[in-house]
Each structure stands twice: as structure tokens, then as C-alpha cells.
Amino acid sequence: MSEDTPQDDQEGLSIEEANALVEEHRGWAESIARSVARGWNLDWQNDGLDGAAMEALIFCSRRFNPERGIPFRGYARRRIHEASTEAARVSKGWTRSGSDTQFERLAKEVSIELFELFPELRSGAIPMSLDQEEGDKAMRASIRQLLIGATLVTTRQGLASASLDDIVDTKRMVTFLAHLEVIHQIIIWRMYWHGDSMRAIASEWEMDELNVIREHKALVDHLQRAIEKNSSFEPLKVRPALRPLSIEMKQRKQAGPFTELYAQGQKT
């Protein structure tokens, strides 16, 4: 099924609700355009990326259906990246053959999002290991972070698409994520779906940012091992610093976002 069907229009938001989404997320869309511009060594305004991002944001606000269970930013991010990247490509005078345009476009989007998640890549470094790891072991740990980061980004892109093939391709990863502890699901969801920084998460939870960074690293290592084994999945134990908050979430019977997403998929 195409992403842009009449049915999408019928099930979307009202004009007022769509306009409110545009107002709320305008700054976020512009930040994506700026990020793409940096990747292409362009000026995001003079080279037209700002207009392309806004057009994509408005388009997505008209097609967004909250009943699909995907947050607006998760739905719109890919399309805003595509529009900004296409504007950058036109500004550079690039042309593409039709067969590989989509693949290269998605690869560029993943690269840009990895730069956002791991800013040290911009200076030619790789994500640092926080443990007492050195040499090859530290390098492998850093590469695992990048691989899992790319996997989660492409998983979100698949979920944001209405393509049945895309949804099938991402089902296995969603199954892994749905079996994580609730607090771990929230960390992944907020970082890779909402674009929140670990600092923002730590600030909201009123804790040291280092606690969230360490939890994320342990989570990445755990997911990498689970994917490599491709066998029964055991959730990672919550580290002591986040355990009180995790217990509080369980007492509130808070459901994990991927658990809810997985349950919706089982019903369809």
C-alpha cells in the first residue's frame, strides 16, 4: 500500500490539529534541515533546505494518523530528511539514476541521524567506551554502539512506513525491544524515536547524565548479543542507579512503548 492514499487523508487530523502540529514541531524540522546542510556543507537557508523541510512538515501534518501508534516525530522525521536531502542534492547539482535513489537517500538519512546521536563522529572520532576498556576491545564496543544505532534508526523508518514489506522487515527487532524492561524501552524510544538526548532524559528523571549514558551502553551491548544469537531473548537487568525509577514504573503498571506497539501488531 502506498504511503499517500486517500484513506490516509480521511483518517488524518483536522486542519486545526494539523496546523498545531506544524507550529509545535517547526523548530525541530528546521534542526533537521540544519543537520542535513552541515552534512552537505551547505547553508540551510540560502540553499533552500529550510523551505523543503517546512513543506515536508506541513505535508506530514496533513497525512498523520495518530491511531497508527507512531509518534508524529517518528512518522515525519524520515520525510523531512528526504525533502531536505533532495533540496541539498539539487543545490549541489547532483542527479541520480532512478534505481538507486531511494537506497542512497535512506543511507544518507541514517548517516545524518548517527551524527546527531553521536556528535563525536563529526570530529572523526567514534563513540567512547565508558568502561575500563582499551585497544581492540574498546573499538569493538564503540562499533557496536554505531551498529545498533543504525539498526534502531532503520527500524523506526520501517515502522513509519505504510509498506507491508517494511513492517515485516522490522518485526523481529520490535519483538526484541518489546521484551525489554519498561525503563529500557523508554530510553530507546525517546532517543531513537523522539530524538531526545541522554542529557534531556537524565534531567527529566532528575539524575546524573552518566547514569543514563551507562545504561544506554549496557543496553546496546545487550541488544547486539541478542541479535547475534538470534535465540530466546532475556531482558537486561536494570543497573542500580535506575532501579528505583524502574520499580516505580512497574508499580504504576506503566506499559513500555514497544510492548504496546508489539501488542497492536499482534491484533492486526
C-alpha atoms as a PDB file:
ATOM      1  CA  MET A   1       0.000   0.000   0.000  1.00  0.00           C
ATOM      2  CA  SER A   2       1.279   3.469  -0.873  1.00  0.00           C
ATOM      3  CA  GLU A   3       2.069   5.873   1.922  1.00  0.00           C
ATOM      4  CA  ASP A   4      -0.083   8.567   0.357  1.00  0.00           C
ATOM      5  CA  THR A   5      -3.542   7.105  -0.128  1.00  0.00           C
ATOM      6  CA  PRO A   6      -6.952   8.776   0.052  1.00  0.00           C
ATOM      7  CA  GLN A   7      -7.667   6.664   3.099  1.00  0.00           C
ATOM      8  CA  ASP A   8      -4.813   8.428   4.910  1.00  0.00           C
ATOM      9  CA  ASP A   9      -6.497  11.769   4.240  1.00  0.00           C
ATOM     10  CA  GLN A  10      -9.811  10.547   5.631  1.00  0.00           C
ATOM     11  CA  GLU A  11      -8.270   9.240   8.819  1.00  0.00           C
ATOM     12  CA  GLY A  12      -5.931  12.187   9.416  1.00  0.00           C
ATOM     13  CA  LEU A  13      -6.221  15.145  11.748  1.00  0.00           C
ATOM     14  CA  SER A  14      -8.404  18.197  11.336  1.00  0.00           C
ATOM     15  CA  ILE A  15      -6.839  21.262   9.728  1.00  0.00           C
ATOM     16  CA  GLU A  16      -6.634  22.959  13.123  1.00  0.00           C
ATOM     17  CA  GLU A  17      -4.884  19.960  14.684  1.00  0.00           C
ATOM     18  CA  ALA A  18      -2.519  19.664  11.725  1.00  0.00           C
ATOM     19  CA  ASN A  19      -1.625  23.357  11.933  1.00  0.00           C
ATOM     20  CA  ALA A  20      -0.956  22.972  15.645  1.00  0.00           C
ATOM     21  CA  LEU A  21       1.480  20.148  14.853  1.00  0.00           C
ATOM     22  CA  VAL A  22       3.310  22.387  12.382  1.00  0.00           C
ATOM     23  CA  GLU A  23       3.636  25.172  14.944  1.00  0.00           C
ATOM     24  CA  GLU A  24       4.806  22.766  17.644  1.00  0.00           C
ATOM     25  CA  HIS A  25       7.416  20.988  15.523  1.00  0.00           C
ATOM     26  CA  ARG A  26       8.684  23.796  13.288  1.00  0.00           C
ATOM     27  CA  GLY A  27      11.893  24.277  15.278  1.00  0.00           C
ATOM     28  CA  TRP A  28      12.531  20.532  15.251  1.00  0.00           C
ATOM     29  CA  ALA A  29      12.066  20.351  11.461  1.00  0.00           C
ATOM     30  CA  GLU A  30      14.445  23.264  10.998  1.00  0.00           C
ATOM     31  CA  SER A  31      17.027  21.498  13.164  1.00  0.00           C
ATOM     32  CA  ILE A  32      16.846  18.533  10.773  1.00  0.00           C
ATOM     33  CA  ALA A  33      17.381  20.859   7.805  1.00  0.00           C
ATOM     34  CA  ARG A  34      20.405  22.405   9.533  1.00  0.00           C
ATOM     35  CA  SER A  35      21.835  18.958  10.257  1.00  0.00           C
ATOM     36  CA  VAL A  36      21.427  17.877   6.634  1.00  0.00           C
ATOM     37  CA  ALA A  37      23.002  21.140   5.479  1.00  0.00           C
ATOM     38  CA  ARG A  38      26.055  20.516   7.664  1.00  0.00           C
ATOM     39  CA  GLY A  39      26.426  17.048   6.177  1.00  0.00           C
ATOM     40  CA  TRP A  40      26.426  18.529   2.673  1.00  0.00           C
ATOM     41  CA  ASN A  41      28.472  21.636   3.586  1.00  0.00           C
ATOM     42  CA  LEU A  42      25.610  23.956   2.627  1.00  0.00           C
ATOM     43  CA  ASP A  43      23.755  26.899   4.151  1.00  0.00           C
ATOM     44  CA  TRP A  44      20.399  25.549   5.294  1.00  0.00           C
ATOM     45  CA  GLN A  45      18.523  28.755   4.430  1.00  0.00           C
ATOM     46  CA  ASN A  46      20.341  30.118   1.383  1.00  0.00           C
ATOM     47  CA  ASP A  47      20.329  26.693  -0.279  1.00  0.00           C
ATOM     48  CA  GLY A  48      16.616  26.093   0.259  1.00  0.00           C
ATOM     49  CA  LEU A  49      16.675  23.331   2.853  1.00  0.00           C
ATOM     50  CA  ASP A  50      14.511  25.334   5.263  1.00  0.00           C
ATOM     51  CA  GLY A  51      11.677  25.589   2.747  1.00  0.00           C
ATOM     52  CA  ALA A  52      11.917  21.919   1.837  1.00  0.00           C
ATOM     53  CA  ALA A  53      11.767  20.895   5.487  1.00  0.00           C
ATOM     54  CA  MET A  54       8.726  23.088   6.125  1.00  0.00           C
ATOM     55  CA  GLU A  55       6.915  21.740   3.071  1.00  0.00           C
ATOM     56  CA  ALA A  56       7.549  18.194   4.274  1.00  0.00           C
ATOM     57  CA  LEU A  57       6.423  19.088   7.797  1.00  0.00           C
ATOM     58  CA  ILE A  58       3.160  20.557   6.507  1.00  0.00           C
ATOM     59  CA  PHE A  59       2.615  17.569   4.217  1.00  0.00           C
ATOM     60  CA  CYS A  60       3.149  15.132   7.100  1.00  0.00           C
ATOM     61  CA  SER A  61       0.830  17.071   9.392  1.00  0.00           C
ATOM     62  CA  ARG A  62      -1.960  16.606   6.830  1.00  0.00           C
ATOM     63  CA  ARG A  63      -1.323  12.860   6.455  1.00  0.00           C
ATOM     64  CA  PHE A  64      -0.557  11.945  10.075  1.00  0.00           C
ATOM     65  CA  ASN A  65      -2.865   9.414  11.725  1.00  0.00           C
ATOM     66  CA  PRO A  66      -2.218   9.071  15.492  1.00  0.00           C
ATOM     67  CA  GLU A  67      -4.189   5.827  15.621  1.00  0.00           C
ATOM     68  CA  ARG A  68      -1.295   4.007  13.950  1.00  0.00           C
ATOM     69  CA  GLY A  69       0.613   4.190  17.246  1.00  0.00           C
ATOM     70  CA  ILE A  70       3.643   6.033  15.822  1.00  0.00           C
ATOM     71  CA  PRO A  71       4.532   9.438  17.358  1.00  0.00           C
ATOM     72  CA  PHE A  72       4.473  12.342  14.942  1.00  0.00           C
ATOM     73  CA  ARG A  73       8.232  12.854  15.010  1.00  0.00           C
ATOM     74  CA  GLY A  74       8.806   9.199  14.233  1.00  0.00           C
ATOM     75  CA  TYR A  75       6.380   9.475  11.308  1.00  0.00           C
ATOM     76  CA  ALA A  76       7.675  12.768   9.933  1.00  0.00           C
ATOM     77  CA  ARG A  77      11.430  12.551  10.515  1.00  0.00           C
ATOM     78  CA  ARG A  78      12.146  10.340   7.502  1.00  0.00           C
ATOM     79  CA  ARG A  79      10.118  12.508   5.151  1.00  0.00           C
ATOM     80  CA  ILE A  80      11.695  15.738   6.391  1.00  0.00           C
ATOM     81  CA  HIS A  81      15.137  14.177   5.967  1.00  0.00           C
ATOM     82  CA  GLU A  82      14.228  13.099   2.438  1.00  0.00           C
ATOM     83  CA  ALA A  83      12.958  16.543   1.481  1.00  0.00           C
ATOM     84  CA  SER A  84      15.975  18.319   2.981  1.00  0.00           C
ATOM     85  CA  THR A  85      18.385  15.872   1.359  1.00  0.00           C
ATOM     86  CA  GLU A  86      16.700  16.288  -2.021  1.00  0.00           C
ATOM     87  CA  ALA A  87      16.997  20.069  -1.690  1.00  0.00           C
ATOM     88  CA  ALA A  88      20.687  19.653  -0.846  1.00  0.00           C
ATOM     89  CA  ARG A  89      21.163  17.382  -3.828  1.00  0.00           C
ATOM     90  CA  VAL A  90      19.505  19.884  -6.165  1.00  0.00           C
ATOM     91  CA  SER A  91      21.614  22.712  -4.728  1.00  0.00           C
ATOM     92  CA  LYS A  92      24.764  20.695  -5.400  1.00  0.00           C
ATOM     93  CA  GLY A  93      23.595  19.995  -8.943  1.00  0.00           C
ATOM     94  CA  TRP A  94      23.580  16.235  -8.374  1.00  0.00           C
ATOM     95  CA  THR A  95      21.480  13.861 -10.439  1.00  0.00           C
ATOM     96  CA  ARG A  96      20.702  10.245  -9.667  1.00  0.00           C
ATOM     97  CA  SER A  97      19.655   7.216 -11.690  1.00  0.00           C
ATOM     98  CA  GLY A  98      16.196   6.051 -10.661  1.00  0.00           C
ATOM     99  CA  SER A  99      17.177   2.561  -9.466  1.00  0.00           C
ATOM    100  CA  ASP A 100      19.418   3.556  -6.566  1.00  0.00           C
ATOM    101  CA  THR A 101      17.999   6.921  -5.479  1.00  0.00           C
ATOM    102  CA  GLN A 102      15.897   5.560  -2.617  1.00  0.00           C
ATOM    103  CA  PHE A 103      18.703   3.370  -1.247  1.00  0.00           C
ATOM    104  CA  GLU A 104      21.236   6.186  -1.276  1.00  0.00           C
ATOM    105  CA  ARG A 105      18.734   8.592   0.201  1.00  0.00           C
ATOM    106  CA  LEU A 106      17.978   6.291   3.131  1.00  0.00           C
ATOM    107  CA  ALA A 107      21.676   5.619   3.675  1.00  0.00           C
ATOM    108  CA  LYS A 108      22.310   9.368   3.825  1.00  0.00           C
ATOM    109  CA  GLU A 109      19.474   9.787   6.347  1.00  0.00           C
ATOM    110  CA  VAL A 110      20.872   7.075   8.594  1.00  0.00           C
ATOM    111  CA  SER A 111      24.307   8.703   8.458  1.00  0.00           C
ATOM    112  CA  ILE A 112      22.897  12.113   9.375  1.00  0.00           C
ATOM    113  CA  GLU A 113      20.943  10.708  12.320  1.00  0.00           C
ATOM    114  CA  LEU A 114      24.026   8.876  13.575  1.00  0.00           C
ATOM    115  CA  PHE A 115      25.876  12.207  13.543  1.00  0.00           C
ATOM    116  CA  GLU A 116      23.073  13.614  15.710  1.00  0.00           C
ATOM    117  CA  LEU A 117      23.152  10.676  18.129  1.00  0.00           C
ATOM    118  CA  PHE A 118      26.950  10.540  18.303  1.00  0.00           C
ATOM    119  CA  PRO A 119      28.300  14.110  17.795  1.00  0.00           C
ATOM    120  CA  GLU A 120      31.898  12.923  18.206  1.00  0.00           C
ATOM    121  CA  LEU A 121      31.659  11.422  14.699  1.00  0.00           C
ATOM    122  CA  ARG A 122      31.843  14.954  13.279  1.00  0.00           C
ATOM    123  CA  SER A 123      35.416  15.281  14.517  1.00  0.00           C
ATOM    124  CA  GLY A 124      36.405  11.888  13.108  1.00  0.00           C
ATOM    125  CA  ALA A 125      36.157  10.046  16.443  1.00  0.00           C
ATOM    126  CA  ILE A 126      33.875   7.161  17.362  1.00  0.00           C
ATOM    127  CA  PRO A 127      31.654   6.828  20.460  1.00  0.00           C
ATOM    128  CA  MET A 128      33.831   6.428  23.532  1.00  0.00           C
ATOM    129  CA  SER A 129      33.659   3.465  25.868  1.00  0.00           C
ATOM    130  CA  LEU A 130      32.880   4.440  29.444  1.00  0.00           C
ATOM    131  CA  ASP A 131      34.300   1.290  30.978  1.00  0.00           C
ATOM    132  CA  GLN A 132      37.926   0.374  31.576  1.00  0.00           C
ATOM    133  CA  GLU A 133      38.260  -0.943  28.041  1.00  0.00           C
ATOM    134  CA  GLU A 134      41.264  -0.259  25.865  1.00  0.00           C
ATOM    135  CA  GLY A 135      42.546  -1.079  22.413  1.00  0.00           C
ATOM    136  CA  ASP A 136      40.590  -3.502  20.252  1.00  0.00           C
ATOM    137  CA  LYS A 137      38.021  -4.203  22.963  1.00  0.00           C
ATOM    138  CA  ALA A 138      37.117  -0.516  23.267  1.00  0.00           C
ATOM    139  CA  MET A 139      36.982  -0.208  19.483  1.00  0.00           C
ATOM    140  CA  ARG A 140      34.585  -3.159  19.202  1.00  0.00           C
ATOM    141  CA  ALA A 141      32.350  -1.678  21.914  1.00  0.00           C
ATOM    142  CA  SER A 142      32.214   1.643  20.054  1.00  0.00           C
ATOM    143  CA  ILE A 143      31.410  -0.011  16.747  1.00  0.00           C
ATOM    144  CA  ARG A 144      28.610  -1.980  18.434  1.00  0.00           C
ATOM    145  CA  GLN A 145      27.053   1.321  19.506  1.00  0.00           C
ATOM    146  CA  LEU A 146      27.106   2.567  15.916  1.00  0.00           C
ATOM    147  CA  LEU A 147      25.686  -0.671  14.507  1.00  0.00           C
ATOM    148  CA  ILE A 148      22.825  -0.808  16.983  1.00  0.00           C
ATOM    149  CA  GLY A 149      22.193   2.900  16.465  1.00  0.00           C
ATOM    150  CA  ALA A 150      21.872   2.354  12.713  1.00  0.00           C
ATOM    151  CA  THR A 151      19.647  -0.691  13.284  1.00  0.00           C
ATOM    152  CA  LEU A 152      17.281   1.263  15.535  1.00  0.00           C
ATOM    153  CA  VAL A 153      17.120   4.178  13.093  1.00  0.00           C
ATOM    154  CA  THR A 154      16.209   1.890  10.198  1.00  0.00           C
ATOM    155  CA  THR A 155      13.696   0.070  12.410  1.00  0.00           C
ATOM    156  CA  ARG A 156      11.934   3.357  13.103  1.00  0.00           C
ATOM    157  CA  GLN A 157      11.974   4.204   9.406  1.00  0.00           C
ATOM    158  CA  GLY A 158      10.312   0.870   8.658  1.00  0.00           C
ATOM    159  CA  LEU A 159       7.613   1.434  11.276  1.00  0.00           C
ATOM    160  CA  ALA A 160       6.924   4.919   9.967  1.00  0.00           C
ATOM    161  CA  SER A 161       6.242   3.489   6.507  1.00  0.00           C
ATOM    162  CA  ALA A 162       2.915   2.058   5.443  1.00  0.00           C
ATOM    163  CA  SER A 163       4.707  -0.556   3.340  1.00  0.00           C
ATOM    164  CA  LEU A 164       3.890  -4.090   4.430  1.00  0.00           C
ATOM    165  CA  ASP A 165       7.377  -5.235   3.426  1.00  0.00           C
ATOM    166  CA  ASP A 166       8.965  -2.607   5.660  1.00  0.00           C
ATOM    167  CA  ILE A 167       6.811  -3.629   8.615  1.00  0.00           C
ATOM    168  CA  VAL A 168       7.667  -7.303   8.157  1.00  0.00           C
ATOM    169  CA  ASP A 169      11.385  -6.480   7.963  1.00  0.00           C
ATOM    170  CA  THR A 170      11.305  -4.676  11.306  1.00  0.00           C
ATOM    171  CA  LYS A 171       9.085  -7.108  13.229  1.00  0.00           C
ATOM    172  CA  ARG A 172      11.998  -9.090  14.671  1.00  0.00           C
ATOM    173  CA  MET A 173      13.681  -6.011  16.110  1.00  0.00           C
ATOM    174  CA  VAL A 174      10.418  -4.754  17.595  1.00  0.00           C
ATOM    175  CA  THR A 175       9.949  -8.160  19.227  1.00  0.00           C
ATOM    176  CA  PHE A 176      13.355  -7.828  20.895  1.00  0.00           C
ATOM    177  CA  LEU A 177      12.569  -4.323  22.106  1.00  0.00           C
ATOM    178  CA  ALA A 178       9.122  -5.291  23.391  1.00  0.00           C
ATOM    179  CA  HIS A 179      10.681  -7.750  25.846  1.00  0.00           C
ATOM    180  CA  LEU A 180      12.982  -5.176  27.438  1.00  0.00           C
ATOM    181  CA  GLU A 181      12.321  -3.665  30.852  1.00  0.00           C
ATOM    182  CA  VAL A 182       9.955  -0.691  30.607  1.00  0.00           C
ATOM    183  CA  ILE A 183      12.638   1.840  31.537  1.00  0.00           C
ATOM    184  CA  HIS A 184      14.926   0.458  28.823  1.00  0.00           C
ATOM    185  CA  GLN A 185      12.134   0.675  26.258  1.00  0.00           C
ATOM    186  CA  ILE A 186      11.595   4.309  27.203  1.00  0.00           C
ATOM    187  CA  ILE A 187      15.288   5.149  26.793  1.00  0.00           C
ATOM    188  CA  ILE A 188      15.372   3.633  23.292  1.00  0.00           C
ATOM    189  CA  TRP A 189      12.023   5.152  22.321  1.00  0.00           C
ATOM    190  CA  ARG A 190      12.927   8.639  23.434  1.00  0.00           C
ATOM    191  CA  MET A 191      16.414   8.621  21.913  1.00  0.00           C
ATOM    192  CA  TYR A 192      15.706   6.988  18.563  1.00  0.00           C
ATOM    193  CA  TRP A 193      12.036   7.801  18.012  1.00  0.00           C
ATOM    194  CA  HIS A 194      11.638  11.217  19.660  1.00  0.00           C
ATOM    195  CA  GLY A 195      15.210  12.441  19.177  1.00  0.00           C
ATOM    196  CA  ASP A 196      15.737  13.293  22.855  1.00  0.00           C
ATOM    197  CA  SER A 197      19.284  13.470  24.158  1.00  0.00           C
ATOM    198  CA  MET A 198      20.513  11.397  27.086  1.00  0.00           C
ATOM    199  CA  ARG A 199      21.053  14.670  28.919  1.00  0.00           C
ATOM    200  CA  ALA A 200      17.383  15.614  28.458  1.00  0.00           C
ATOM    201  CA  ILE A 201      16.256  12.199  29.700  1.00  0.00           C
ATOM    202  CA  ALA A 202      18.522  12.406  32.745  1.00  0.00           C
ATOM    203  CA  SER A 203      17.308  15.922  33.515  1.00  0.00           C
ATOM    204  CA  GLU A 204      13.673  14.848  33.439  1.00  0.00           C
ATOM    205  CA  TRP A 205      14.452  11.875  35.670  1.00  0.00           C
ATOM    206  CA  GLU A 206      16.490  14.117  37.988  1.00  0.00           C
ATOM    207  CA  MET A 207      19.655  12.058  37.867  1.00  0.00           C
ATOM    208  CA  ASP A 208      23.251  12.274  36.678  1.00  0.00           C
ATOM    209  CA  GLU A 209      23.539  12.086  32.881  1.00  0.00           C
ATOM    210  CA  LEU A 210      26.294   9.494  33.292  1.00  0.00           C
ATOM    211  CA  ASN A 211      23.743   7.029  34.695  1.00  0.00           C
ATOM    212  CA  VAL A 212      21.682   7.202  31.509  1.00  0.00           C
ATOM    213  CA  ILE A 213      24.801   7.012  29.325  1.00  0.00           C
ATOM    214  CA  ARG A 214      25.989   3.859  31.088  1.00  0.00           C
ATOM    215  CA  GLU A 215      22.528   2.302  30.922  1.00  0.00           C
ATOM    216  CA  HIS A 216      22.351   3.019  27.202  1.00  0.00           C
ATOM    217  CA  LYS A 217      25.753   1.448  26.600  1.00  0.00           C
ATOM    218  CA  ALA A 218      24.789  -1.695  28.526  1.00  0.00           C
ATOM    219  CA  LEU A 219      21.544  -1.807  26.566  1.00  0.00           C
ATOM    220  CA  VAL A 220      23.353  -1.521  23.237  1.00  0.00           C
ATOM    221  CA  ASP A 221      25.712  -4.366  24.154  1.00  0.00           C
ATOM    222  CA  HIS A 222      22.762  -6.495  25.242  1.00  0.00           C
ATOM    223  CA  LEU A 223      20.822  -5.895  22.018  1.00  0.00           C
ATOM    224  CA  GLN A 224      23.874  -6.662  19.912  1.00  0.00           C
ATOM    225  CA  ARG A 225      24.358 -10.016  21.631  1.00  0.00           C
ATOM    226  CA  ALA A 226      20.662 -10.833  21.263  1.00  0.00           C
ATOM    227  CA  ILE A 227      20.717 -10.084  17.545  1.00  0.00           C
ATOM    228  CA  GLU A 228      23.864 -12.138  17.004  1.00  0.00           C
ATOM    229  CA  LYS A 229      22.477 -15.162  18.880  1.00  0.00           C
ATOM    230  CA  ASN A 230      19.034 -14.929  17.236  1.00  0.00           C
ATOM    231  CA  SER A 231      17.601 -17.080  20.009  1.00  0.00           C
ATOM    232  CA  SER A 232      15.396 -16.686  23.074  1.00  0.00           C
ATOM    233  CA  PHE A 233      15.594 -13.156  24.445  1.00  0.00           C
ATOM    234  CA  GLU A 234      16.183 -12.360  28.110  1.00  0.00           C
ATOM    235  CA  PRO A 235      15.668  -8.739  29.193  1.00  0.00           C
ATOM    236  CA  LEU A 236      18.649  -6.857  30.571  1.00  0.00           C
ATOM    237  CA  LYS A 237      18.660  -6.232  34.317  1.00  0.00           C
ATOM    238  CA  VAL A 238      18.359  -2.579  35.284  1.00  0.00           C
ATOM    239  CA  ARG A 239      21.511  -1.088  36.787  1.00  0.00           C
ATOM    240  CA  PRO A 240      21.318   0.084  40.444  1.00  0.00           C
ATOM    241  CA  ALA A 241      21.203   3.813  39.630  1.00  0.00           C
ATOM    242  CA  LEU A 242      17.989   3.464  37.616  1.00  0.00           C
ATOM    243  CA  ARG A 243      16.429   0.640  39.634  1.00  0.00           C
ATOM    244  CA  PRO A 244      14.261   2.822  41.941  1.00  0.00           C
ATOM    245  CA  LEU A 245      12.716   4.572  38.930  1.00  0.00           C
ATOM    246  CA  SER A 246      12.211   1.227  37.188  1.00  0.00           C
ATOM    247  CA  ILE A 247      10.397  -0.158  40.244  1.00  0.00           C
ATOM    248  CA  GLU A 248       8.224   2.948  40.373  1.00  0.00           C
ATOM    249  CA  MET A 249       7.234   2.445  36.725  1.00  0.00           C
ATOM    250  CA  LYS A 250       6.277  -1.158  37.434  1.00  0.00           C
ATOM    251  CA  GLN A 251       4.216  -0.143  40.453  1.00  0.00           C
ATOM    252  CA  ARG A 252       2.329   2.307  38.232  1.00  0.00           C
ATOM    253  CA  LYS A 253       1.856  -0.574  35.779  1.00  0.00           C
ATOM    254  CA  GLN A 254       3.327   1.614  33.067  1.00  0.00           C
ATOM    255  CA  ALA A 255       3.475  -0.182  29.733  1.00  0.00           C
ATOM    256  CA  GLY A 256       6.563   0.027  27.549  1.00  0.00           C
ATOM    257  CA  PRO A 257       6.075   1.774  24.177  1.00  0.00           C
ATOM    258  CA  PHE A 258       7.398  -1.210  22.232  1.00  0.00           C
ATOM    259  CA  THR A 259       5.252  -3.623  24.235  1.00  0.00           C
ATOM    260  CA  GLU A 260       2.212  -1.596  23.193  1.00  0.00           C
ATOM    261  CA  LEU A 261       3.418  -1.467  19.593  1.00  0.00           C
ATOM    262  CA  TYR A 262       4.009  -5.221  19.573  1.00  0.00           C
ATOM    263  CA  ALA A 263       0.538  -5.853  21.011  1.00  0.00           C
ATOM    264  CA  GLN A 264      -1.024  -3.718  18.285  1.00  0.00           C
ATOM    265  CA  GLY A 265       0.845  -5.713  15.656  1.00  0.00           C
ATOM    266  CA  GLN A 266      -0.440  -9.000  17.076  1.00  0.00           C
ATOM    267  CA  LYS A 267      -4.031  -7.796  16.692  1.00  0.00           C
ATOM    268  CA  THR A 268      -3.635  -6.939  13.018  1.00  0.00           C
END
